[in-house]
C-alpha atoms as a PDB file:
ATOM      1  CA  MET A   1      74.878 -74.365 -95.677  1.00  0.00           C
ATOM      2  CA  THR A   2      71.185 -73.775 -95.188  1.00  0.00           C
ATOM      3  CA  PRO A   3      68.928 -74.052 -98.244  1.00  0.00           C
ATOM      4  CA  VAL A   4      66.952 -70.988 -99.175  1.00  0.00           C
ATOM      5  CA  SER A   5      63.685 -71.083-101.068  1.00  0.00           C
ATOM      6  CA  ARG A   6      63.333 -69.557-104.520  1.00  0.00           C
ATOM      7  CA  ARG A   7      60.166 -69.386-106.592  1.00  0.00           C
ATOM      8  CA  ARG A   8      60.028 -71.346-109.846  1.00  0.00           C
ATOM      9  CA  ALA A   9      58.301 -70.062-112.973  1.00  0.00           C
ATOM     10  CA  ASP A  10      55.405 -72.420-112.284  1.00  0.00           C
ATOM     11  CA  GLY A  11      54.756 -70.778-108.936  1.00  0.00           C
ATOM     12  CA  GLY A  12      56.358 -73.558-106.902  1.00  0.00           C
ATOM     13  CA  GLU A  13      59.589 -73.349-104.947  1.00  0.00           C
ATOM     14  CA  HIS A  14      62.973 -75.003-105.066  1.00  0.00           C
ATOM     15  CA  ASP A  15      65.857 -74.915-102.658  1.00  0.00           C
ATOM     16  CA  GLU A  16      68.844 -72.729-103.465  1.00  0.00           C
ATOM     17  CA  ARG A  17      71.829 -71.999-101.332  1.00  0.00           C
ATOM     18  CA  VAL A  18      75.049 -70.000-101.258  1.00  0.00           C
ATOM     19  CA  ASP A  19      77.759 -72.284-102.626  1.00  0.00           C
ATOM     20  CA  TYR A  20      80.642 -71.229-100.424  1.00  0.00           C
ATOM     21  CA  GLU A  21      83.091 -73.517-102.202  1.00  0.00           C
ATOM     22  CA  SER A  22      82.688 -71.691-105.516  1.00  0.00           C
ATOM     23  CA  ARG A  23      81.846 -68.261-104.071  1.00  0.00           C
ATOM     24  CA  ALA A  24      84.616 -67.912-101.505  1.00  0.00           C
ATOM     25  CA  GLU A  25      86.523 -65.287-103.491  1.00  0.00           C
ATOM     26  CA  ALA A  26      83.375 -63.262-104.149  1.00  0.00           C
ATOM     27  CA  TYR A  27      82.379 -63.502-100.502  1.00  0.00           C
ATOM     28  CA  GLY A  28      85.727 -62.099 -99.417  1.00  0.00           C
ATOM     29  CA  ARG A  29      85.481 -59.171-101.833  1.00  0.00           C
ATOM     30  CA  THR A  30      81.838 -58.301-101.294  1.00  0.00           C
ATOM     31  CA  ARG A  31      80.890 -59.418 -97.770  1.00  0.00           C
ATOM     32  CA  GLY A  32      84.114 -59.027 -95.843  1.00  0.00           C
ATOM     33  CA  LEU A  33      84.663 -55.922 -93.720  1.00  0.00           C
ATOM     34  CA  ALA A  34      87.873 -55.020 -91.997  1.00  0.00           C
ATOM     35  CA  GLY A  35      89.769 -52.268 -90.239  1.00  0.00           C
ATOM     36  CA  GLU A  36      87.912 -49.106 -89.322  1.00  0.00           C
ATOM     37  CA  ALA A  37      84.693 -50.363 -90.914  1.00  0.00           C
ATOM     38  CA  ILE A  38      84.144 -52.834 -88.078  1.00  0.00           C
ATOM     39  CA  ALA A  39      85.967 -50.921 -85.342  1.00  0.00           C
ATOM     40  CA  PRO A  40      82.714 -50.231 -83.409  1.00  0.00           C
ATOM     41  CA  TRP A  41      82.469 -53.954 -82.751  1.00  0.00           C
ATOM     42  CA  ARG A  42      85.650 -53.779 -80.712  1.00  0.00           C
ATOM     43  CA  ASP A  43      84.007 -51.409 -78.248  1.00  0.00           C
ATOM     44  CA  ALA A  44      80.856 -53.526 -78.119  1.00  0.00           C
ATOM     45  CA  LEU A  45      82.811 -56.711 -77.375  1.00  0.00           C
ATOM     46  CA  ALA A  46      85.397 -55.252 -75.010  1.00  0.00           C
ATOM     47  CA  PRO A  47      83.370 -55.758 -71.799  1.00  0.00           C
ATOM     48  CA  TYR A  48      83.273 -59.483 -72.533  1.00  0.00           C
ATOM     49  CA  LEU A  49      86.733 -60.060 -74.008  1.00  0.00           C
ATOM     50  CA  GLU A  50      88.983 -57.727 -72.036  1.00  0.00           C
ATOM     51  CA  PRO A  51      91.342 -58.361 -70.458  1.00  0.00           C
ATOM     52  CA  ALA A  52      92.670 -61.053 -72.804  1.00  0.00           C
ATOM     53  CA  ARG A  53      91.549 -64.461 -71.628  1.00  0.00           C
ATOM     54  CA  ASP A  54      93.858 -67.395 -70.977  1.00  0.00           C
ATOM     55  CA  ARG A  55      91.925 -69.721 -73.297  1.00  0.00           C
ATOM     56  CA  PRO A  56      91.284 -69.291 -77.021  1.00  0.00           C
ATOM     57  CA  LEU A  57      88.198 -67.750 -78.536  1.00  0.00           C
ATOM     58  CA  VAL A  58      86.335 -69.919 -81.058  1.00  0.00           C
ATOM     59  CA  ASP A  59      85.039 -68.132 -84.157  1.00  0.00           C
ATOM     60  CA  VAL A  60      82.206 -70.387 -85.347  1.00  0.00           C
ATOM     61  CA  GLY A  61      81.678 -70.134 -89.107  1.00  0.00           C
ATOM     62  CA  SER A  62      84.782 -67.990 -89.529  1.00  0.00           C
ATOM     63  CA  GLY A  63      84.468 -67.698 -93.306  1.00  0.00           C
ATOM     64  CA  GLY A  64      87.266 -65.646 -94.816  1.00  0.00           C
ATOM     65  CA  GLY A  65      88.697 -64.802 -91.405  1.00  0.00           C
ATOM     66  CA  HIS A  66      87.907 -61.081 -91.306  1.00  0.00           C
ATOM     67  CA  PHE A  67      86.666 -61.187 -87.737  1.00  0.00           C
ATOM     68  CA  SER A  68      89.119 -63.892 -86.642  1.00  0.00           C
ATOM     69  CA  ILE A  69      92.098 -61.670 -87.355  1.00  0.00           C
ATOM     70  CA  ALA A  70      90.347 -58.598 -85.930  1.00  0.00           C
ATOM     71  CA  LEU A  71      89.583 -60.390 -82.652  1.00  0.00           C
ATOM     72  CA  ALA A  72      93.156 -61.631 -82.402  1.00  0.00           C
ATOM     73  CA  GLU A  73      94.545 -58.133 -82.882  1.00  0.00           C
ATOM     74  CA  TRP A  74      91.973 -56.237 -80.816  1.00  0.00           C
ATOM     75  CA  PHE A  75      92.184 -58.451 -77.749  1.00  0.00           C
ATOM     76  CA  GLU A  76      95.606 -60.117 -78.116  1.00  0.00           C
ATOM     77  CA  ALA A  77      93.701 -63.382 -78.089  1.00  0.00           C
ATOM     78  CA  ALA A  78      94.320 -66.782 -79.584  1.00  0.00           C
ATOM     79  CA  VAL A  79      91.490 -67.546 -82.024  1.00  0.00           C
ATOM     80  CA  VAL A  80      90.354 -70.829 -83.539  1.00  0.00           C
ATOM     81  CA  GLY A  81      88.346 -70.188 -86.689  1.00  0.00           C
ATOM     82  CA  VAL A  82      86.044 -73.137 -87.390  1.00  0.00           C
ATOM     83  CA  GLU A  83      84.734 -73.202 -90.966  1.00  0.00           C
ATOM     84  CA  PRO A  84      83.184 -76.055 -92.993  1.00  0.00           C
ATOM     85  CA  SER A  85      84.122 -74.682 -96.437  1.00  0.00           C
ATOM     86  CA  SER A  86      87.623 -75.611 -97.593  1.00  0.00           C
ATOM     87  CA  ALA A  87      87.604 -72.756-100.105  1.00  0.00           C
ATOM     88  CA  MET A  88      86.716 -70.240 -97.420  1.00  0.00           C
ATOM     89  CA  ARG A  89      89.470 -71.570 -95.167  1.00  0.00           C
ATOM     90  CA  ALA A  90      91.938 -71.221 -98.038  1.00  0.00           C
ATOM     91  CA  VAL A  91      90.933 -67.585 -98.530  1.00  0.00           C
ATOM     92  CA  ALA A  92      91.258 -66.957 -94.784  1.00  0.00           C
ATOM     93  CA  ARG A  93      94.732 -68.494 -94.619  1.00  0.00           C
ATOM     94  CA  ARG A  94      95.858 -66.484 -97.627  1.00  0.00           C
ATOM     95  CA  ASP A  95      94.294 -63.115 -96.822  1.00  0.00           C
ATOM     96  CA  ASN A  96      93.905 -63.123 -93.031  1.00  0.00           C
ATOM     97  CA  ALA A  97      96.774 -65.152 -91.668  1.00  0.00           C
ATOM     98  CA  HIS A  98      97.861 -64.282 -88.133  1.00  0.00           C
ATOM     99  CA  PRO A  99     100.235 -65.975 -85.689  1.00  0.00           C
ATOM    100  CA  ARG A 100      97.481 -66.239 -83.064  1.00  0.00           C
ATOM    101  CA  VAL A 101      94.793 -67.554 -85.449  1.00  0.00           C
ATOM    102  CA  ALA A 102      94.284 -71.156 -86.554  1.00  0.00           C
ATOM    103  CA  TYR A 103      91.697 -71.995 -89.219  1.00  0.00           C
ATOM    104  CA  VAL A 104      90.325 -75.521 -88.945  1.00  0.00           C
ATOM    105  CA  ALA A 105      87.646 -77.623 -90.625  1.00  0.00           C
ATOM    106  CA  GLY A 106      84.485 -78.153 -88.650  1.00  0.00           C
ATOM    107  CA  ARG A 107      80.825 -77.342 -88.154  1.00  0.00           C
ATOM    108  CA  ALA A 108      78.897 -75.585 -85.420  1.00  0.00           C
ATOM    109  CA  GLU A 109      77.168 -78.854 -84.626  1.00  0.00           C
ATOM    110  CA  ALA A 110      80.435 -80.805 -84.321  1.00  0.00           C
ATOM    111  CA  LEU A 111      83.262 -78.538 -83.197  1.00  0.00           C
ATOM    112  CA  PRO A 112      86.747 -80.090 -83.477  1.00  0.00           C
ATOM    113  CA  LEU A 113      87.705 -78.904 -79.983  1.00  0.00           C
ATOM    114  CA  ALA A 114      88.176 -80.595 -76.631  1.00  0.00           C
ATOM    115  CA  ASP A 115      85.863 -80.068 -73.679  1.00  0.00           C
ATOM    116  CA  ALA A 116      86.145 -76.786 -71.728  1.00  0.00           C
ATOM    117  CA  THR A 117      89.012 -75.471 -73.841  1.00  0.00           C
ATOM    118  CA  CYS A 118      87.635 -72.098 -75.013  1.00  0.00           C
ATOM    119  CA  GLY A 119      87.160 -68.838 -73.188  1.00  0.00           C
ATOM    120  CA  ALA A 120      84.530 -67.287 -75.491  1.00  0.00           C
ATOM    121  CA  ALA A 121      82.602 -67.938 -78.702  1.00  0.00           C
ATOM    122  CA  TRP A 122      81.912 -65.590 -81.609  1.00  0.00           C
ATOM    123  CA  LEU A 123      79.205 -66.293 -84.208  1.00  0.00           C
ATOM    124  CA  SER A 124      78.972 -63.655 -86.924  1.00  0.00           C
ATOM    125  CA  THR A 125      76.075 -63.851 -89.432  1.00  0.00           C
ATOM    126  CA  VAL A 126      75.991 -67.619 -89.086  1.00  0.00           C
ATOM    127  CA  VAL A 127      73.063 -68.585 -86.830  1.00  0.00           C
ATOM    128  CA  HIS A 128      70.711 -68.919 -89.819  1.00  0.00           C
ATOM    129  CA  HIS A 129      72.978 -71.686 -91.157  1.00  0.00           C
ATOM    130  CA  VAL A 130      73.081 -73.943 -88.098  1.00  0.00           C
ATOM    131  CA  ASP A 131      71.014 -76.327 -86.017  1.00  0.00           C
ATOM    132  CA  LEU A 132      70.592 -74.105 -82.978  1.00  0.00           C
ATOM    133  CA  ARG A 133      70.131 -76.826 -80.376  1.00  0.00           C
ATOM    134  CA  ALA A 134      73.094 -78.865 -81.656  1.00  0.00           C
ATOM    135  CA  CYS A 135      75.240 -75.730 -81.789  1.00  0.00           C
ATOM    136  CA  ALA A 136      74.236 -74.797 -78.240  1.00  0.00           C
ATOM    137  CA  ARG A 137      75.142 -78.282 -77.040  1.00  0.00           C
ATOM    138  CA  GLU A 138      78.564 -78.111 -78.691  1.00  0.00           C
ATOM    139  CA  LEU A 139      79.352 -74.653 -77.363  1.00  0.00           C
ATOM    140  CA  ASP A 140      78.307 -75.756 -73.892  1.00  0.00           C
ATOM    141  CA  ARG A 141      80.782 -78.604 -74.244  1.00  0.00           C
ATOM    142  CA  VAL A 142      83.809 -76.653 -75.516  1.00  0.00           C
ATOM    143  CA  LEU A 143      83.396 -73.469 -73.459  1.00  0.00           C
ATOM    144  CA  ARG A 144      84.468 -73.050 -69.877  1.00  0.00           C
ATOM    145  CA  PRO A 145      81.664 -72.231 -67.421  1.00  0.00           C
ATOM    146  CA  ARG A 146      80.161 -68.747 -67.838  1.00  0.00           C
ATOM    147  CA  ALA A 147      82.252 -68.030 -70.930  1.00  0.00           C
ATOM    148  CA  PRO A 148      80.374 -65.522 -73.123  1.00  0.00           C
ATOM    149  CA  ILE A 149      78.715 -66.427 -76.410  1.00  0.00           C
ATOM    150  CA  LEU A 150      78.655 -63.406 -78.717  1.00  0.00           C
ATOM    151  CA  VAL A 151      76.244 -63.500 -81.643  1.00  0.00           C
ATOM    152  CA  ARG A 152      76.322 -60.910 -84.427  1.00  0.00           C
ATOM    153  CA  SER A 153      73.354 -61.140 -86.768  1.00  0.00           C
ATOM    154  CA  ALA A 154      70.445 -59.544 -88.587  1.00  0.00           C
ATOM    155  CA  PHE A 155      67.545 -60.564 -86.374  1.00  0.00           C
ATOM    156  CA  PRO A 156      63.866 -60.584 -87.353  1.00  0.00           C
ATOM    157  CA  GLY A 157      62.136 -57.482 -86.041  1.00  0.00           C
ATOM    158  CA  ARG A 158      65.431 -55.554 -85.957  1.00  0.00           C
ATOM    159  CA  LEU A 159      66.165 -55.104 -89.670  1.00  0.00           C
ATOM    160  CA  GLY A 160      65.347 -51.419 -90.101  1.00  0.00           C
ATOM    161  CA  GLY A 161      68.970 -50.296 -89.837  1.00  0.00           C
ATOM    162  CA  ILE A 162      70.271 -52.465 -92.687  1.00  0.00           C
ATOM    163  CA  THR A 163      70.666 -50.607 -95.985  1.00  0.00           C
ATOM    164  CA  LEU A 164      70.313 -53.687 -98.190  1.00  0.00           C
ATOM    165  CA  PHE A 165      66.735 -54.188 -97.072  1.00  0.00           C
ATOM    166  CA  ARG A 166      65.816 -50.612 -97.929  1.00  0.00           C
ATOM    167  CA  PHE A 167      66.262 -51.488-101.607  1.00  0.00           C
ATOM    168  CA  PHE A 168      65.508 -55.213-101.608  1.00  0.00           C
ATOM    169  CA  PRO A 169      62.218 -55.871 -99.778  1.00  0.00           C
ATOM    170  CA  ALA A 170      62.212 -59.517-100.883  1.00  0.00           C
ATOM    171  CA  ALA A 171      65.614 -59.963 -99.240  1.00  0.00           C
ATOM    172  CA  ARG A 172      64.197 -58.471 -96.070  1.00  0.00           C
ATOM    173  CA  ARG A 173      61.354 -60.973 -96.142  1.00  0.00           C
ATOM    174  CA  ARG A 174      63.956 -63.723 -96.346  1.00  0.00           C
ATOM    175  CA  ALA A 175      65.831 -62.288 -93.357  1.00  0.00           C
ATOM    176  CA  GLU A 176      62.608 -62.107 -91.370  1.00  0.00           C
ATOM    177  CA  ARG A 177      62.710 -65.919 -91.423  1.00  0.00           C
ATOM    178  CA  PHE A 178      66.122 -66.036 -89.749  1.00  0.00           C
ATOM    179  CA  PRO A 179      66.255 -67.345 -86.155  1.00  0.00           C
ATOM    180  CA  THR A 180      64.843 -64.840 -83.685  1.00  0.00           C
ATOM    181  CA  ILE A 181      66.544 -63.729 -80.506  1.00  0.00           C
ATOM    182  CA  GLU A 182      63.867 -65.636 -78.613  1.00  0.00           C
ATOM    183  CA  ALA A 183      64.567 -68.853 -80.539  1.00  0.00           C
ATOM    184  CA  ILE A 184      68.283 -68.601 -79.875  1.00  0.00           C
ATOM    185  CA  ALA A 185      67.719 -67.846 -76.202  1.00  0.00           C
ATOM    186  CA  ASP A 186      65.434 -70.864 -75.961  1.00  0.00           C
ATOM    187  CA  ALA A 187      68.017 -73.177 -77.549  1.00  0.00           C
ATOM    188  CA  PHE A 188      70.758 -72.044 -75.179  1.00  0.00           C
ATOM    189  CA  SER A 189      68.532 -71.970 -72.103  1.00  0.00           C
ATOM    190  CA  ALA A 190      68.545 -75.765 -72.169  1.00  0.00           C
ATOM    191  CA  PHE A 191      72.216 -75.507 -71.242  1.00  0.00           C
ATOM    192  CA  GLY A 192      71.803 -72.969 -68.484  1.00  0.00           C
ATOM    193  CA  ARG A 193      72.576 -69.838 -70.490  1.00  0.00           C
ATOM    194  CA  GLY A 194      70.566 -66.667 -70.632  1.00  0.00           C
ATOM    195  CA  VAL A 195      70.530 -63.345 -72.471  1.00  0.00           C
ATOM    196  CA  ALA A 196      72.893 -60.826 -70.898  1.00  0.00           C
ATOM    197  CA  ARG A 197      72.641 -58.071 -73.500  1.00  0.00           C
ATOM    198  CA  VAL A 198      70.992 -57.144 -76.792  1.00  0.00           C
ATOM    199  CA  THR A 199      72.277 -54.044 -78.560  1.00  0.00           C
ATOM    200  CA  ASP A 200      72.661 -52.686 -82.080  1.00  0.00           C
ATOM    201  CA  VAL A 201      76.111 -51.813 -83.373  1.00  0.00           C
ATOM    202  CA  ALA A 202      76.774 -49.419 -86.260  1.00  0.00           C
ATOM    203  CA  GLN A 203      79.362 -50.342 -88.873  1.00  0.00           C
ATOM    204  CA  VAL A 204      80.494 -48.826 -92.167  1.00  0.00           C
ATOM    205  CA  SER A 205      79.463 -51.339 -94.822  1.00  0.00           C
ATOM    206  CA  ALA A 206      80.574 -49.299 -97.849  1.00  0.00           C
ATOM    207  CA  PRO A 207      82.274 -45.924 -98.387  1.00  0.00           C
ATOM    208  CA  SER A 208      79.349 -44.664-100.504  1.00  0.00           C
ATOM    209  CA  LEU A 209      76.084 -45.768-102.045  1.00  0.00           C
ATOM    210  CA  ARG A 210      77.859 -46.146-105.379  1.00  0.00           C
ATOM    211  CA  ALA A 211      80.341 -48.546-103.788  1.00  0.00           C
ATOM    212  CA  PHE A 212      77.426 -50.295-102.090  1.00  0.00           C
ATOM    213  CA  CYS A 213      75.798 -50.876-105.494  1.00  0.00           C
ATOM    214  CA  ASP A 214      79.021 -52.325-106.870  1.00  0.00           C
ATOM    215  CA  ARG A 215      79.354 -54.679-103.896  1.00  0.00           C
ATOM    216  CA  VAL A 216      75.764 -55.849-104.225  1.00  0.00           C
ATOM    217  CA  ARG A 217      76.105 -56.587-107.931  1.00  0.00           C
ATOM    218  CA  ALA A 218      79.342 -58.515-107.425  1.00  0.00           C
ATOM    219  CA  GLY A 219      78.081 -60.338-104.356  1.00  0.00           C
ATOM    220  CA  ARG A 220      74.596 -61.431-105.329  1.00  0.00           C
ATOM    221  CA  HIS A 221      75.424 -65.137-105.127  1.00  0.00           C
ATOM    222  CA  ALA A 222      77.430 -64.772-101.918  1.00  0.00           C
ATOM    223  CA  ASP A 223      74.566 -63.399 -99.819  1.00  0.00           C
ATOM    224  CA  THR A 224      71.903 -65.674 -98.338  1.00  0.00           C
ATOM    225  CA  THR A 225      69.188 -63.044 -98.637  1.00  0.00           C
ATOM    226  CA  LEU A 226      69.989 -62.194-102.269  1.00  0.00           C
ATOM    227  CA  VAL A 227      70.700 -65.579-103.818  1.00  0.00           C
ATOM    228  CA  SER A 228      67.043 -66.585-103.641  1.00  0.00           C
ATOM    229  CA  LEU A 229      65.724 -63.505-105.456  1.00  0.00           C
ATOM    230  CA  THR A 230      64.356 -63.686-108.971  1.00  0.00           C
ATOM    231  CA  ASP A 231      66.309 -61.766-111.602  1.00  0.00           C
ATOM    232  CA  GLU A 232      63.506 -59.223-111.716  1.00  0.00           C
ATOM    233  CA  GLU A 233      63.574 -58.680-107.931  1.00  0.00           C
ATOM    234  CA  PHE A 234      67.328 -58.322-107.930  1.00  0.00           C
ATOM    235  CA  GLU A 235      67.491 -55.897-110.854  1.00  0.00           C
ATOM    236  CA  ALA A 236      64.693 -53.788-109.377  1.00  0.00           C
ATOM    237  CA  GLY A 237      66.605 -53.501-106.120  1.00  0.00           C
ATOM    238  CA  VAL A 238      69.853 -52.572-107.856  1.00  0.00           C
ATOM    239  CA  ALA A 239      68.053 -49.962-109.966  1.00  0.00           C
ATOM    240  CA  SER A 240      66.521 -48.437-106.834  1.00  0.00           C
ATOM    241  CA  ALA A 241      69.909 -48.302-105.115  1.00  0.00           C
ATOM    242  CA  GLU A 242      71.567 -46.796-108.175  1.00  0.00           C
ATOM    243  CA  ARG A 243      68.928 -44.051-108.365  1.00  0.00           C
ATOM    244  CA  ALA A 244      69.625 -43.213-104.729  1.00  0.00           C
ATOM    245  CA  ALA A 245      73.369 -43.178-105.400  1.00  0.00           C
ATOM    246  CA  ALA A 246      72.933 -40.855-108.388  1.00  0.00           C
ATOM    247  CA  ALA A 247      70.853 -38.484-106.270  1.00  0.00           C
ATOM    248  CA  GLU A 248      73.533 -38.103-103.598  1.00  0.00           C
ATOM    249  CA  ALA A 249      74.958 -34.602-103.827  1.00  0.00           C
ATOM    250  CA  THR A 250      77.799 -35.557-101.501  1.00  0.00           C
ATOM    251  CA  PRO A 251      78.573 -39.282-101.232  1.00  0.00           C
ATOM    252  CA  ALA A 252      78.470 -40.506 -97.646  1.00  0.00           C
ATOM    253  CA  PRO A 253      79.460 -43.793 -96.033  1.00  0.00           C
ATOM    254  CA  VAL A 254      76.800 -46.497 -95.857  1.00  0.00           C
ATOM    255  CA  VAL A 255      76.250 -47.247 -92.177  1.00  0.00           C
ATOM    256  CA  ASP A 256      74.392 -50.381 -91.143  1.00  0.00           C
ATOM    257  CA  ARG A 257      73.251 -51.515 -87.726  1.00  0.00           C
ATOM    258  CA  LEU A 258      73.478 -55.200 -86.904  1.00  0.00           C
ATOM    259  CA  THR A 259      72.609 -56.676 -83.525  1.00  0.00           C
ATOM    260  CA  LEU A 260      74.892 -58.133 -80.876  1.00  0.00           C
ATOM    261  CA  LEU A 261      73.312 -60.804 -78.688  1.00  0.00           C
ATOM    262  CA  VAL A 262      75.314 -61.817 -75.597  1.00  0.00           C
ATOM    263  CA  LEU A 263      74.580 -65.114 -73.844  1.00  0.00           C
ATOM    264  CA  VAL A 264      76.232 -66.145 -70.591  1.00  0.00           C
END
């Protein structure tokens, strides 16, 4: 887990991080998306994962397994979900078990997989938690030649389509310090990989702004960009979101746009 910086009362800073061991249940309830909400990602990934490949896909930082099970079902693929948090793996095995998915302990920088055994890699909202060069080295080792690396993230300079940052400007400033597309491309270029595609993908993150507010309140300590906020910053953002929800004449789904980066 990557430390995040939070201001102290004396004006200094201290490191704070999402504790995935104690927040696994909250993460599953407030950060996990499944079913039709993430269906657009199937279309975005299909050119790189169809037809089903003869080697498993590795889901790096698989968390509660929401994408692991989706990938297995969408593409009839075997999936190895690699996750360092034992609590998150327990949630995944309980809530997102699948005969073609195995959840194993491991880190992006030290994948518990043999050389050239995987046909693709998926990294969803995880690149800000890893050592990019070490991760690139490990993926180069475990992937077969030219296997795609598919990165889903909120990238600096491409945050305008994310509803959370509309109400929480301090959270957006935190996300602007995430690894850039250029930094990721540079890390993987050392292993002969280049950018094949960059595109935004729309997903339904909540059925309404009211539901969005409820998710944010419940998930404050399970979100890297929120956990570092002061109480005042957080409450101001929630109040702003709740005013917007109250003003909605007809509640509409909250649609966010995250970015897909493809490296081959």
